[in-house]
């Protein structure tokens, strides 16, 4: 399965949920948002939403500061 994450093409050997994808990418930020295509995926769906071949995914982490 090939997907594009934040503009970078990536290949995985199986279909993943958003939660599995984030874990594989090593994202440790406690707060992040995910959009697949142009649709923001609700956090409540991260464990069940399946990423499909060809999906364009944007993952944004939030950084505090002042």
N, C-alpha and C. Protein backbone atom coordinates (compact mmCIF):
# COMPACT_ATOMS: atom_id res chain seq x y z
N UNK A 1 0.85 -1.17 0.00
CA UNK A 1 0.00 0.00 0.00
C UNK A 1 0.89 1.24 0.00
N UNK A 2 0.64 2.15 -0.93
CA UNK A 2 1.37 3.41 -0.99
C UNK A 2 0.46 4.55 -0.58
N UNK A 3 0.98 5.42 0.28
CA UNK A 3 0.25 6.61 0.70
C UNK A 3 1.23 7.78 0.68
N UNK A 4 0.69 8.97 0.73
CA UNK A 4 1.52 10.17 0.81
C UNK A 4 1.23 10.81 2.16
N UNK A 5 2.27 10.93 2.98
CA UNK A 5 2.13 11.52 4.31
C UNK A 5 2.94 12.80 4.35
N UNK A 6 2.26 13.91 4.59
CA UNK A 6 2.90 15.23 4.63
C UNK A 6 3.80 15.45 3.41
N UNK A 7 3.30 15.04 2.24
CA UNK A 7 4.01 15.26 0.99
C UNK A 7 5.05 14.22 0.64
N UNK A 8 5.27 13.24 1.51
CA UNK A 8 6.28 12.21 1.26
C UNK A 8 5.62 10.86 0.99
N UNK A 9 5.98 10.23 -0.13
CA UNK A 9 5.40 8.93 -0.46
C UNK A 9 5.99 7.86 0.45
N UNK A 10 5.12 7.03 0.99
CA UNK A 10 5.54 5.94 1.88
C UNK A 10 4.83 4.67 1.46
N UNK A 11 5.47 3.55 1.74
CA UNK A 11 4.88 2.26 1.38
C UNK A 11 4.82 1.37 2.63
N UNK A 12 3.67 0.71 2.79
CA UNK A 12 3.46 -0.20 3.91
C UNK A 12 2.96 -1.52 3.36
N UNK A 13 3.22 -2.59 4.10
CA UNK A 13 2.87 -3.93 3.60
C UNK A 13 1.43 -4.32 3.87
N UNK A 14 0.71 -3.52 4.68
CA UNK A 14 -0.69 -3.83 4.96
C UNK A 14 -1.47 -2.55 5.22
N UNK A 15 -2.78 -2.68 5.20
CA UNK A 15 -3.67 -1.57 5.51
C UNK A 15 -3.52 -1.22 6.98
N UNK A 16 -3.49 0.07 7.30
CA UNK A 16 -3.30 0.53 8.68
C UNK A 16 -4.43 1.45 9.11
N UNK A 17 -4.67 1.49 10.42
CA UNK A 17 -5.55 2.52 10.96
C UNK A 17 -4.69 3.77 11.16
N UNK A 18 -5.33 4.89 11.40
CA UNK A 18 -4.58 6.11 11.66
C UNK A 18 -3.70 5.94 12.89
N UNK A 19 -4.22 5.33 13.93
CA UNK A 19 -3.43 5.11 15.15
C UNK A 19 -2.18 4.28 14.85
N UNK A 20 -2.32 3.22 14.07
CA UNK A 20 -1.17 2.37 13.71
C UNK A 20 -0.16 3.15 12.87
N UNK A 21 -0.65 3.98 11.95
CA UNK A 21 0.22 4.78 11.11
C UNK A 21 1.04 5.75 11.96
N UNK A 22 0.39 6.44 12.87
CA UNK A 22 1.07 7.41 13.74
C UNK A 22 2.14 6.70 14.57
N UNK A 23 1.82 5.50 15.07
CA UNK A 23 2.79 4.74 15.86
C UNK A 23 3.98 4.33 14.99
N UNK A 24 3.73 3.87 13.76
CA UNK A 24 4.82 3.48 12.85
C UNK A 24 5.71 4.66 12.50
N UNK A 25 5.13 5.84 12.41
CA UNK A 25 5.90 7.03 12.09
C UNK A 25 6.66 7.57 13.29
N UNK A 26 6.37 7.04 14.48
CA UNK A 26 7.09 7.45 15.69
C UNK A 26 6.67 8.79 16.23
N UNK A 27 5.46 9.21 15.91
CA UNK A 27 4.97 10.50 16.41
C UNK A 27 4.60 10.35 17.88
N UNK A 28 5.28 11.10 18.73
CA UNK A 28 5.07 11.00 20.17
C UNK A 28 4.28 12.18 20.74
N UNK A 29 4.00 13.17 19.90
CA UNK A 29 3.28 14.36 20.36
C UNK A 29 1.92 13.95 20.93
N UNK A 30 1.56 14.49 22.09
CA UNK A 30 0.27 14.11 22.67
C UNK A 30 -0.93 14.68 21.90
N UNK A 31 -0.71 15.76 21.20
CA UNK A 31 -1.80 16.39 20.46
C UNK A 31 -1.43 16.52 18.99
N UNK A 32 -2.25 15.92 18.14
CA UNK A 32 -2.04 16.02 16.71
C UNK A 32 -3.38 15.90 16.01
N UNK A 33 -3.42 16.39 14.78
CA UNK A 33 -4.63 16.31 13.97
C UNK A 33 -4.28 15.60 12.67
N UNK A 34 -5.25 14.86 12.12
CA UNK A 34 -5.02 14.11 10.90
C UNK A 34 -6.12 14.43 9.90
N UNK A 35 -5.70 14.68 8.66
CA UNK A 35 -6.65 14.85 7.57
C UNK A 35 -6.30 13.84 6.49
N UNK A 36 -7.31 13.20 5.94
CA UNK A 36 -7.14 12.27 4.84
C UNK A 36 -7.88 12.89 3.66
N UNK A 37 -7.16 13.16 2.59
CA UNK A 37 -7.74 13.96 1.51
C UNK A 37 -7.92 15.36 2.08
N UNK A 38 -9.07 15.88 1.97
CA UNK A 38 -9.35 17.21 2.52
C UNK A 38 -10.26 17.12 3.75
N UNK A 39 -10.46 15.92 4.27
CA UNK A 39 -11.36 15.70 5.40
C UNK A 39 -10.58 15.48 6.69
N UNK A 40 -10.86 16.29 7.71
CA UNK A 40 -10.26 16.07 9.02
C UNK A 40 -10.95 14.87 9.66
N UNK A 41 -10.14 13.95 10.16
CA UNK A 41 -10.68 12.74 10.79
C UNK A 41 -10.82 13.01 12.29
N UNK A 42 -12.02 12.79 12.85
CA UNK A 42 -12.20 12.99 14.30
C UNK A 42 -11.30 12.05 15.10
N UNK A 43 -10.76 12.56 16.19
CA UNK A 43 -9.87 11.77 17.05
C UNK A 43 -10.53 10.47 17.50
N UNK A 44 -11.83 10.50 17.67
CA UNK A 44 -12.57 9.31 18.11
C UNK A 44 -12.52 8.18 17.08
N UNK A 45 -12.11 8.47 15.84
CA UNK A 45 -12.05 7.47 14.77
C UNK A 45 -10.64 6.98 14.47
N UNK A 46 -9.62 7.48 15.17
CA UNK A 46 -8.23 7.12 14.87
C UNK A 46 -7.98 5.61 14.98
N UNK A 47 -8.66 4.92 15.87
CA UNK A 47 -8.43 3.48 16.06
C UNK A 47 -9.18 2.63 15.03
N UNK A 48 -10.16 3.21 14.33
CA UNK A 48 -10.96 2.42 13.40
C UNK A 48 -10.85 2.88 11.94
N UNK A 49 -10.44 4.12 11.70
CA UNK A 49 -10.36 4.67 10.34
C UNK A 49 -9.20 4.01 9.61
N UNK A 50 -9.48 3.31 8.52
CA UNK A 50 -8.45 2.61 7.73
C UNK A 50 -7.92 3.52 6.63
N UNK A 51 -6.61 3.64 6.57
CA UNK A 51 -5.95 4.37 5.50
C UNK A 51 -5.92 3.45 4.29
N UNK A 52 -6.24 3.99 3.13
CA UNK A 52 -6.31 3.18 1.91
C UNK A 52 -5.18 3.53 0.94
N UNK A 53 -4.88 2.61 0.05
CA UNK A 53 -3.85 2.81 -0.96
C UNK A 53 -4.13 4.09 -1.74
N UNK A 54 -3.13 4.94 -1.86
CA UNK A 54 -3.27 6.18 -2.61
C UNK A 54 -3.74 7.37 -1.80
N UNK A 55 -4.09 7.17 -0.52
CA UNK A 55 -4.56 8.29 0.31
C UNK A 55 -3.47 9.33 0.49
N UNK A 56 -3.89 10.59 0.56
CA UNK A 56 -3.00 11.70 0.88
C UNK A 56 -3.34 12.14 2.30
N UNK A 57 -2.36 12.02 3.18
CA UNK A 57 -2.58 12.22 4.60
C UNK A 57 -1.71 13.38 5.09
N UNK A 58 -2.31 14.24 5.87
CA UNK A 58 -1.56 15.31 6.52
C UNK A 58 -1.69 15.11 8.03
N UNK A 59 -0.55 15.11 8.71
CA UNK A 59 -0.53 14.98 10.17
C UNK A 59 0.14 16.24 10.71
N UNK A 60 -0.58 16.95 11.57
CA UNK A 60 -0.08 18.20 12.12
C UNK A 60 0.02 18.04 13.63
N UNK A 61 1.19 18.36 14.18
CA UNK A 61 1.35 18.34 15.64
C UNK A 61 1.31 19.77 16.15
N UNK A 62 0.90 19.91 17.39
CA UNK A 62 0.76 21.22 18.00
C UNK A 62 1.92 21.46 18.96
N UNK A 63 2.51 22.64 18.85
CA UNK A 63 3.64 23.01 19.69
C UNK A 63 3.28 24.27 20.45
N UNK A 64 3.44 24.22 21.77
CA UNK A 64 3.16 25.38 22.58
C UNK A 64 4.37 26.31 22.62
N UNK A 65 4.12 27.53 22.94
CA UNK A 65 5.22 28.48 23.03
C UNK A 65 4.70 29.85 23.39
N UNK A 66 5.59 30.76 23.46
CA UNK A 66 5.14 32.09 23.85
C UNK A 66 5.95 33.19 23.27
